[in-house]
Amino acid sequence: MPIRPDPSAVVGWGSVTPLGGDPDSTWQAFRDGRSGIQSLKDDWSLDLPVRIGGRVSPSALESLSPLLRRRSDRCAQLALVAARQAWTMASSLADGIHPSRVAVVLGTGIGGLSTMHEQHLQLTEGGPDRVNPLTVPMLIPDAPAGQVAIDLGIQGGAHTPVSACASGAEALMLGQMLLNDDRADLVLAGGAEAPVNRLGLVGFSAMRALSSRNDAPKEASRPYGADRDGFVLSEGAGMIALMRSSDTPPSAVKGWLLASGSSSDAHHIVAPEPQGLQASKAIDDALRRADISPSDLCAIQAHATGTRLGDLAEVRALRRSLGKTVDLLPVCAPKGQLGHLLGGAGAVETILALQWLRDGVVPQSVNADPLDQEVNLAVTVKGPVELNSEPTSRLLLKNAFGFGGHNISLVLAGSKTEPPG
């Protein structure tokens, strides 16, 4: 039996998404059923087969200095905004912690993709002298974590899990591990991605992974929907401040990361193991480490990207791990409104899940109706579902899966829930 981790208290959060420049505006837009997906009108997109995506408003980055924006990729810029928000929320607790006892774990699936593309163009069109001398430090995947550590004076380690679409969720798992191993007293953990550019859209569309509903951007992302045709690429970042429960005043708790589970498919570099066998083991691992049973859950936040293979593998994993209990649990697929933030998805969606638990509602799964007949789950296709459980016992399962067969499952609890132990 695995050792049960000390629950990690969420003491701050920050996000910047296609739905809003902070967690509150993102949640309000999400709850209102709005979509963050739009048609792309940039000149570089006009000849592409896919011309839709989820983009962050330019105003969300206005707090960054012009010099910082010139010297960092958009992925790092998004991470900095989200990290500053989370840090501000946790500032009253962080003030008493030495910088050497604070760590950052910031995952990304790709990193500085726009820098890579732009500087390759400079090289091919203008020659070697046109390449920015900061190209490498801008495009490397650990640049966002490094920039956040520099910006906030964090000295306890800057870590970068790169596990595709599971990166943000894996960062939360690693953040909890750092706390439980006494390597840090406060951890900023999350993920960021900025893939909505010419290279990102061409690469994913060449795989036939993206929806091509260019004429209906708001209806394009259709996780679990019968007529889905792929996911929608989006950008954004989410960061969560974590502390040990034993170090956290009850009044500072915004929610709980009880435990995390992980596994790898060892199946295919892109396609998931179709029966969800290893994904199920990640779910089992999370439940076991949280010391709970499926019947203790009140809801599920699905990874559900809108690809047929991925959606059905997750359905089978959930049924295998949760049995008949899954029939009673409302399931929300948030990518119908957000699109897929790749490495940023796990953290952004975790913040939303904690807000659901706080407010006692599982939102509607937009664009999932009509539901695929093989998706035999209680997906919230008709509207939001109010949680009947008491605020002191709200537990949610959140999944995140990535190319390469990376599987992460998290067990989250609302702020008023008493953590086990």
Protein backbone atom coordinates (compact mmCIF):
# COMPACT_ATOMS: atom_id res chain seq x y z
CA MET A 1 0.00 0.00 0.00
CA PRO A 2 1.34 3.48 -0.84
CA ILE A 3 2.03 5.97 1.93
CA ARG A 4 -0.84 8.42 2.20
CA PRO A 5 0.47 11.93 1.46
CA ASP A 6 -0.18 14.88 3.70
CA PRO A 7 -2.99 16.81 1.97
CA SER A 8 -1.76 19.98 0.29
CA ALA A 9 -3.67 23.14 1.07
CA VAL A 10 -4.40 25.49 -1.81
CA VAL A 11 -3.62 28.98 -0.53
CA GLY A 12 -3.61 30.92 -3.79
CA TRP A 13 -4.29 30.61 -7.48
CA GLY A 14 -3.89 32.54 -10.69
CA SER A 15 -4.84 31.98 -14.30
CA VAL A 16 -5.01 33.67 -17.65
CA THR A 17 -7.23 31.95 -20.23
CA PRO A 18 -9.25 32.57 -23.38
CA LEU A 19 -12.22 33.17 -21.07
CA GLY A 20 -10.63 35.72 -18.76
CA GLY A 21 -7.52 37.37 -17.41
CA ASP A 22 -7.84 35.91 -13.91
CA PRO A 23 -9.56 32.99 -12.15
CA ASP A 24 -12.70 34.91 -11.16
CA SER A 25 -13.45 36.24 -14.64
CA THR A 26 -12.65 32.84 -16.15
CA TRP A 27 -15.05 31.10 -13.76
CA GLN A 28 -17.81 33.65 -14.32
CA ALA A 29 -17.53 33.31 -18.10
CA PHE A 30 -17.42 29.55 -17.79
CA ARG A 31 -20.46 29.45 -15.54
CA ASP A 32 -22.32 31.71 -17.98
CA GLY A 33 -21.66 29.19 -20.77
CA ARG A 34 -19.46 31.48 -22.84
CA SER A 35 -16.85 30.17 -25.27
CA GLY A 36 -13.23 31.23 -25.50
CA ILE A 37 -12.81 29.94 -29.06
CA GLN A 38 -12.60 32.42 -31.92
CA SER A 39 -11.85 32.66 -35.62
CA LEU A 40 -8.26 33.61 -36.41
CA LYS A 41 -7.92 36.64 -38.70
CA ASP A 42 -4.13 37.04 -38.65
CA ASP A 43 -2.40 37.11 -42.04
CA TRP A 44 -0.30 34.09 -41.08
CA SER A 45 -3.44 31.99 -40.56
CA LEU A 46 -5.35 32.71 -43.76
CA ASP A 47 -4.00 29.76 -45.78
CA LEU A 48 -4.21 27.20 -42.95
CA PRO A 49 -6.70 24.32 -42.96
CA VAL A 50 -7.58 25.14 -39.32
CA ARG A 51 -8.22 28.81 -38.51
CA ILE A 52 -9.75 28.71 -35.03
CA GLY A 53 -8.26 28.74 -31.55
CA GLY A 54 -8.53 29.99 -28.00
CA ARG A 55 -6.48 33.13 -27.39
CA VAL A 56 -5.79 35.28 -24.37
CA SER A 57 -6.77 38.94 -24.56
CA PRO A 58 -3.78 41.27 -25.12
CA SER A 59 -4.91 43.28 -22.09
CA ALA A 60 -4.09 40.33 -19.83
CA LEU A 61 -0.36 40.86 -20.45
CA GLU A 62 -0.29 44.63 -19.97
CA SER A 63 1.19 44.30 -16.48
CA LEU A 64 4.43 42.93 -17.97
CA SER A 65 7.10 45.45 -18.91
CA PRO A 66 7.89 45.93 -22.62
CA LEU A 67 11.44 44.70 -21.98
CA LEU A 68 10.21 41.50 -20.33
CA ARG A 69 7.84 40.86 -23.21
CA ARG A 70 10.64 41.30 -25.73
CA ARG A 71 12.91 38.92 -23.85
CA SER A 72 10.46 36.10 -23.15
CA ASP A 73 8.27 33.83 -25.21
CA ARG A 74 4.52 34.19 -24.93
CA CYS A 75 4.40 30.93 -22.97
CA ALA A 76 6.56 32.44 -20.23
CA GLN A 77 4.60 35.69 -20.31
CA LEU A 78 1.35 33.85 -19.62
CA ALA A 79 3.02 31.91 -16.82
CA LEU A 80 4.32 35.10 -15.21
CA VAL A 81 0.87 36.69 -15.10
CA ALA A 82 -0.72 33.61 -13.54
CA ALA A 83 2.15 33.17 -11.06
CA ARG A 84 1.96 36.79 -9.91
CA GLN A 85 -1.77 36.38 -9.23
CA ALA A 86 -1.23 33.20 -7.19
CA TRP A 87 1.68 34.79 -5.33
CA THR A 88 -0.41 37.84 -4.43
CA MET A 89 -3.14 35.63 -2.98
CA ALA A 90 -0.58 33.70 -0.92
CA SER A 91 1.51 36.74 0.02
CA SER A 92 0.46 36.93 3.67
CA LEU A 93 1.75 33.37 4.16
CA ALA A 94 4.75 33.69 1.86
CA ASP A 95 6.09 36.69 3.76
CA GLY A 96 7.16 34.45 6.62
CA ILE A 97 8.92 31.84 4.48
CA HIS A 98 12.54 32.15 3.40
CA PRO A 99 12.98 32.20 -0.41
CA SER A 100 15.11 29.04 -0.18
CA ARG A 101 12.03 27.20 1.14
CA VAL A 102 9.80 28.23 -1.77
CA ALA A 103 9.79 26.25 -5.03
CA VAL A 104 8.16 26.55 -8.43
CA VAL A 105 7.02 23.61 -10.56
CA LEU A 106 5.80 24.86 -13.92
CA GLY A 107 4.98 22.35 -16.62
CA THR A 108 4.59 22.87 -20.33
CA GLY A 109 3.95 20.56 -23.22
CA ILE A 110 6.10 22.39 -25.78
CA GLY A 111 7.49 25.65 -24.41
CA GLY A 112 8.61 28.50 -26.68
CA LEU A 113 6.99 27.33 -29.89
CA SER A 114 6.37 30.80 -31.32
CA THR A 115 10.00 31.78 -30.70
CA MET A 116 11.18 28.64 -32.46
CA HIS A 117 9.02 29.39 -35.48
CA GLU A 118 9.81 33.11 -35.64
CA GLN A 119 13.57 32.65 -35.31
CA HIS A 120 13.63 29.89 -37.91
CA LEU A 121 11.98 32.34 -40.29
CA GLN A 122 14.62 34.95 -39.40
CA LEU A 123 17.36 32.40 -40.15
CA THR A 124 15.95 31.23 -43.49
CA GLU A 125 14.88 34.65 -44.76
CA GLY A 126 17.56 36.92 -43.33
CA GLY A 127 20.53 34.71 -42.49
CA PRO A 128 22.38 33.95 -39.25
CA ASP A 129 22.85 37.59 -38.28
CA ARG A 130 19.09 38.05 -37.97
CA VAL A 131 18.63 35.42 -35.25
CA ASN A 132 17.85 36.81 -31.81
CA PRO A 133 20.71 36.06 -29.35
CA LEU A 134 18.03 35.18 -26.76
CA THR A 135 16.51 32.50 -28.99
CA VAL A 136 17.59 29.53 -26.89
CA PRO A 137 16.68 30.94 -23.45
CA MET A 138 13.32 32.00 -24.88
CA LEU A 139 12.36 28.69 -26.45
CA ILE A 140 13.60 26.14 -23.89
CA PRO A 141 10.74 24.49 -21.96
CA ASP A 142 12.14 25.44 -18.55
CA ALA A 143 12.18 29.16 -19.37
CA PRO A 144 8.72 29.84 -17.83
CA ALA A 145 9.74 28.22 -14.53
CA GLY A 146 13.01 30.13 -14.56
CA GLN A 147 11.31 33.44 -15.35
CA VAL A 148 8.83 32.94 -12.51
CA ALA A 149 11.63 32.11 -10.06
CA ILE A 150 13.55 35.23 -11.12
CA ASP A 151 10.47 37.45 -11.03
CA LEU A 152 9.38 36.36 -7.55
CA GLY A 153 12.79 35.65 -6.02
CA ILE A 154 12.10 31.93 -5.54
CA GLN A 155 15.27 30.04 -4.56
CA GLY A 156 13.99 26.61 -3.46
CA GLY A 157 14.06 25.04 -6.93
CA ALA A 158 12.51 25.65 -10.35
CA HIS A 159 11.24 22.44 -11.92
CA THR A 160 9.68 21.73 -15.33
CA PRO A 161 7.73 18.54 -16.01
CA VAL A 162 7.27 18.16 -19.75
CA SER A 163 4.57 15.53 -20.20
CA ALA A 164 2.44 16.93 -23.01
CA CYS A 165 -1.16 17.61 -21.99
CA ALA A 166 -0.61 16.15 -18.52
CA SER A 167 2.18 18.63 -17.67
CA GLY A 168 0.13 21.05 -15.56
CA ALA A 169 -1.45 18.26 -13.52
CA GLU A 170 1.90 16.52 -13.09
CA ALA A 171 3.32 19.79 -11.78
CA LEU A 172 0.72 19.69 -9.01
CA MET A 173 1.68 16.12 -8.17
CA LEU A 174 5.37 17.06 -8.02
CA GLY A 175 4.55 20.13 -5.94
CA GLN A 176 2.83 17.94 -3.36
CA MET A 177 5.82 15.59 -3.37
CA LEU A 178 8.20 18.49 -2.66
CA LEU A 179 6.09 19.51 0.33
CA ASN A 180 5.79 15.99 1.68
CA ASP A 181 9.53 15.41 1.27
CA ASP A 182 10.20 18.62 3.24
CA ARG A 183 12.08 20.18 0.32
CA ALA A 184 9.86 23.28 0.42
CA ASP A 185 7.28 24.97 2.64
CA LEU A 186 5.39 26.67 -0.21
CA VAL A 187 5.21 25.62 -3.86
CA LEU A 188 3.85 27.46 -6.87
CA ALA A 189 2.74 24.68 -9.22
CA GLY A 190 0.95 24.72 -12.56
CA GLY A 191 1.40 24.92 -16.29
CA ALA A 192 1.49 27.22 -19.30
CA GLU A 193 1.24 26.93 -23.08
CA ALA A 194 1.16 29.25 -26.07
CA PRO A 195 0.67 27.03 -29.14
CA VAL A 196 -1.81 29.12 -31.17
CA ASN A 197 0.56 30.10 -33.95
CA ARG A 198 1.31 28.99 -37.48
CA LEU A 199 3.63 26.12 -36.53
CA GLY A 200 1.38 24.84 -33.75
CA LEU A 201 -1.75 24.80 -35.87
CA VAL A 202 0.00 23.23 -38.88
CA GLY A 203 1.62 20.54 -36.75
CA PHE A 204 -1.51 19.43 -34.95
CA SER A 205 -3.76 19.69 -38.01
CA ALA A 206 -1.30 17.54 -40.00
CA MET A 207 -1.97 14.84 -37.40
CA ARG A 208 -5.72 15.28 -38.00
CA ALA A 209 -6.07 16.00 -34.29
CA LEU A 210 -7.84 19.36 -34.61
CA SER A 211 -11.43 20.28 -35.29
CA SER A 212 -11.83 21.95 -38.69
CA ARG A 213 -15.12 23.76 -37.95
CA ASN A 214 -13.73 27.07 -39.15
CA ASP A 215 -17.23 28.40 -39.80
CA ALA A 216 -18.47 27.69 -36.26
CA PRO A 217 -15.63 28.32 -33.78
CA LYS A 218 -17.80 28.39 -30.65
CA GLU A 219 -19.26 24.97 -31.50
CA ALA A 220 -15.99 23.40 -32.63
CA SER A 221 -14.75 21.97 -29.34
CA ARG A 222 -17.16 19.09 -28.64
CA PRO A 223 -15.73 16.70 -26.02
CA TYR A 224 -17.87 13.55 -25.70
CA GLY A 225 -20.19 14.87 -28.44
CA ALA A 226 -21.42 12.43 -31.06
CA ASP A 227 -20.27 14.67 -33.91
CA ARG A 228 -16.89 15.75 -32.52
CA ASP A 229 -14.01 15.98 -35.00
CA GLY A 230 -10.97 16.83 -32.88
CA PHE A 231 -9.83 19.29 -30.25
CA VAL A 232 -9.34 23.06 -30.48
CA LEU A 233 -5.91 24.50 -29.73
CA SER A 234 -5.82 27.15 -26.98
CA GLU A 235 -3.32 29.11 -24.92
CA GLY A 236 -3.19 30.05 -21.27
CA ALA A 237 -1.63 29.40 -17.89
CA GLY A 238 -2.66 28.39 -14.40
CA MET A 239 -0.66 28.47 -11.16
CA ILE A 240 -1.63 27.20 -7.71
CA ALA A 241 0.10 27.97 -4.41
CA LEU A 242 0.35 24.88 -2.19
CA MET A 243 1.35 24.41 1.45
CA ARG A 244 1.28 21.52 3.90
CA SER A 245 -2.00 21.27 5.77
CA SER A 246 -0.15 21.32 9.09
CA ASP A 247 1.39 24.73 8.22
CA THR A 248 -1.77 26.39 6.91
CA PRO A 249 -4.27 28.44 8.93
CA PRO A 250 -7.81 27.18 8.17
CA SER A 251 -8.86 30.66 7.07
CA ALA A 252 -6.25 30.63 4.29
CA VAL A 253 -7.44 27.39 2.66
CA LYS A 254 -9.07 27.77 -0.77
CA GLY A 255 -9.27 24.02 -1.38
CA TRP A 256 -7.24 20.83 -1.10
CA LEU A 257 -5.10 18.61 -3.28
CA LEU A 258 -5.58 15.37 -1.37
CA ALA A 259 -3.57 13.03 -3.56
CA SER A 260 -2.30 12.30 -7.05
CA GLY A 261 -2.02 9.13 -9.09
CA SER A 262 0.09 8.43 -12.15
CA SER A 263 0.82 5.76 -14.74
CA SER A 264 2.06 5.42 -18.31
CA ASP A 265 0.37 3.58 -21.16
CA ALA A 266 3.57 2.20 -22.76
CA HIS A 267 1.41 1.91 -25.87
CA HIS A 268 1.86 4.62 -28.53
CA ILE A 269 3.47 8.06 -28.81
CA VAL A 270 0.15 9.72 -29.69
CA ALA A 271 -2.80 7.34 -29.34
CA PRO A 272 -3.98 6.34 -25.85
CA GLU A 273 -4.25 2.70 -24.83
CA PRO A 274 -7.82 2.22 -26.12
CA GLN A 275 -9.27 0.33 -23.15
CA GLY A 276 -7.97 2.83 -20.61
CA LEU A 277 -6.13 0.10 -18.72
CA GLN A 278 -3.24 2.25 -17.50
CA ALA A 279 -5.34 5.40 -17.17
CA SER A 280 -7.50 3.39 -14.80
CA LYS A 281 -4.41 2.59 -12.73
CA ALA A 282 -3.72 6.31 -12.32
CA ILE A 283 -7.27 6.81 -11.05
CA ASP A 284 -6.93 3.85 -8.69
CA ASP A 285 -3.60 5.19 -7.46
CA ALA A 286 -5.08 8.61 -6.68
CA LEU A 287 -8.06 7.16 -4.80
CA ARG A 288 -5.85 4.80 -2.83
CA ARG A 289 -3.41 7.53 -1.83
CA ALA A 290 -6.31 9.78 -0.81
CA ASP A 291 -7.69 6.88 1.24
CA ILE A 292 -11.15 7.19 -0.27
CA SER A 293 -13.52 4.98 -2.24
CA PRO A 294 -15.42 5.87 -5.44
CA SER A 295 -18.59 6.44 -3.40
CA ASP A 296 -16.86 9.31 -1.56
CA LEU A 297 -16.66 11.35 -4.78
CA CYS A 298 -19.30 13.92 -5.70
CA ALA A 299 -18.18 14.74 -9.27
CA ILE A 300 -15.66 14.15 -12.06
CA GLN A 301 -13.82 16.67 -14.19
CA ALA A 302 -12.93 14.82 -17.39
CA HIS A 303 -9.85 15.32 -19.54
CA ALA A 304 -12.10 14.80 -22.62
CA THR A 305 -10.43 16.65 -25.48
CA GLY A 306 -12.88 15.91 -28.27
CA THR A 307 -10.99 13.14 -30.03
CA ARG A 308 -12.84 9.85 -30.34
CA LEU A 309 -9.93 7.63 -29.24
CA GLY A 310 -9.07 9.73 -26.23
CA ASP A 311 -12.62 10.33 -25.05
CA LEU A 312 -13.59 6.66 -25.17
CA ALA A 313 -10.38 5.50 -23.49
CA GLU A 314 -11.17 7.82 -20.58
CA VAL A 315 -14.76 6.57 -20.38
CA ARG A 316 -13.53 2.99 -20.14
CA ALA A 317 -10.95 3.92 -17.52
CA LEU A 318 -13.57 5.64 -15.37
CA ARG A 319 -15.96 2.72 -15.56
CA ARG A 320 -13.19 0.26 -14.75
CA SER A 321 -12.03 2.21 -11.68
CA LEU A 322 -15.33 3.52 -10.33
CA GLY A 323 -17.71 0.72 -11.29
CA LYS A 324 -21.44 1.41 -10.95
CA THR A 325 -20.70 4.45 -8.79
CA VAL A 326 -19.78 6.36 -11.93
CA ASP A 327 -23.43 6.32 -13.01
CA LEU A 328 -24.25 8.61 -10.07
CA LEU A 329 -21.46 11.15 -10.56
CA PRO A 330 -21.94 14.28 -12.70
CA VAL A 331 -19.16 14.60 -15.27
CA CYS A 332 -18.12 17.93 -16.78
CA ALA A 333 -15.83 18.29 -19.80
CA PRO A 334 -14.47 21.88 -19.59
CA LYS A 335 -12.64 21.94 -22.93
CA GLY A 336 -15.91 22.61 -24.74
CA GLN A 337 -15.50 26.25 -23.67
CA LEU A 338 -11.78 26.56 -23.02
CA GLY A 339 -10.41 24.52 -25.88
CA HIS A 340 -7.27 22.53 -25.11
CA LEU A 341 -4.51 24.45 -23.32
CA LEU A 342 -2.12 21.47 -23.60
CA GLY A 343 0.44 21.85 -20.79
CA GLY A 344 -1.63 24.59 -19.20
CA ALA A 345 -4.86 22.61 -19.14
CA GLY A 346 -4.32 20.59 -15.97
CA ALA A 347 -3.72 23.59 -13.71
CA VAL A 348 -6.32 25.92 -15.25
CA GLU A 349 -8.96 23.21 -15.05
CA THR A 350 -7.98 22.32 -11.47
CA ILE A 351 -8.65 25.90 -10.41
CA LEU A 352 -12.07 25.68 -12.06
CA ALA A 353 -12.74 22.36 -10.31
CA LEU A 354 -11.95 23.91 -6.92
CA GLN A 355 -14.33 26.76 -7.73
CA TRP A 356 -17.04 24.22 -8.61
CA LEU A 357 -16.57 22.56 -5.23
CA ARG A 358 -16.61 25.89 -3.44
CA ASP A 359 -19.85 26.98 -5.11
CA GLY A 360 -21.51 23.56 -5.07
CA VAL A 361 -22.18 23.27 -8.79
CA VAL A 362 -20.91 21.16 -11.68
CA PRO A 363 -21.35 23.28 -14.83
CA GLN A 364 -22.87 22.23 -18.11
CA SER A 365 -20.63 20.41 -20.59
CA VAL A 366 -21.07 22.79 -23.50
CA ASN A 367 -21.23 21.26 -27.00
CA ALA A 368 -21.45 17.67 -25.69
CA ASP A 369 -25.08 17.30 -26.75
CA PRO A 370 -25.95 15.01 -28.50
CA LEU A 371 -23.74 12.69 -26.50
CA ASP A 372 -21.79 9.89 -28.14
CA GLN A 373 -23.78 6.70 -27.46
CA GLU A 374 -20.60 4.99 -26.26
CA VAL A 375 -20.06 7.66 -23.60
CA ASN A 376 -22.10 5.98 -20.88
CA LEU A 377 -21.42 8.60 -18.21
CA ALA A 378 -23.60 11.19 -16.49
CA VAL A 379 -22.18 14.04 -18.57
CA THR A 380 -23.81 17.38 -17.78
CA VAL A 381 -25.15 17.96 -21.27
CA LYS A 382 -28.49 19.54 -20.33
CA GLY A 383 -27.28 22.06 -17.80
CA PRO A 384 -25.42 22.54 -14.53
CA VAL A 385 -25.91 20.11 -11.66
CA GLU A 386 -26.16 21.33 -8.09
CA LEU A 387 -24.13 19.23 -5.66
CA ASN A 388 -26.24 17.58 -2.98
CA SER A 389 -23.26 16.75 -0.80
CA GLU A 390 -22.41 18.92 2.18
CA PRO A 391 -19.57 21.43 1.71
CA THR A 392 -17.60 19.49 4.32
CA SER A 393 -17.50 16.35 2.17
CA ARG A 394 -17.07 17.44 -1.44
CA LEU A 395 -14.41 15.40 -3.24
CA LEU A 396 -13.77 15.50 -6.98
CA LEU A 397 -11.70 13.38 -9.36
CA LYS A 398 -9.78 15.29 -12.05
CA ASN A 399 -8.04 13.54 -14.97
CA ALA A 400 -5.25 14.72 -17.27
CA PHE A 401 -3.69 12.60 -20.02
CA GLY A 402 -0.93 13.42 -22.50
CA PHE A 403 0.74 12.28 -25.71
CA GLY A 404 3.24 9.57 -24.95
CA GLY A 405 0.82 7.84 -22.59
CA HIS A 406 1.20 10.13 -19.56
CA ASN A 407 -1.69 9.67 -17.12
CA ILE A 408 -2.31 11.85 -14.05
CA SER A 409 -5.35 11.78 -11.78
CA LEU A 410 -5.95 14.17 -8.90
CA VAL A 411 -8.32 14.00 -5.94
CA LEU A 412 -9.46 17.49 -4.97
CA ALA A 413 -11.54 18.72 -2.07
CA GLY A 414 -13.44 21.92 -1.41
CA SER A 415 -12.17 24.55 1.00
CA LYS A 416 -14.62 23.52 3.73
CA THR A 417 -13.85 19.81 3.44
CA GLU A 418 -12.02 18.20 6.34
CA PRO A 419 -9.03 16.38 4.78
CA PRO A 420 -8.55 12.75 5.82
CA GLY A 421 -6.18 12.11 8.69
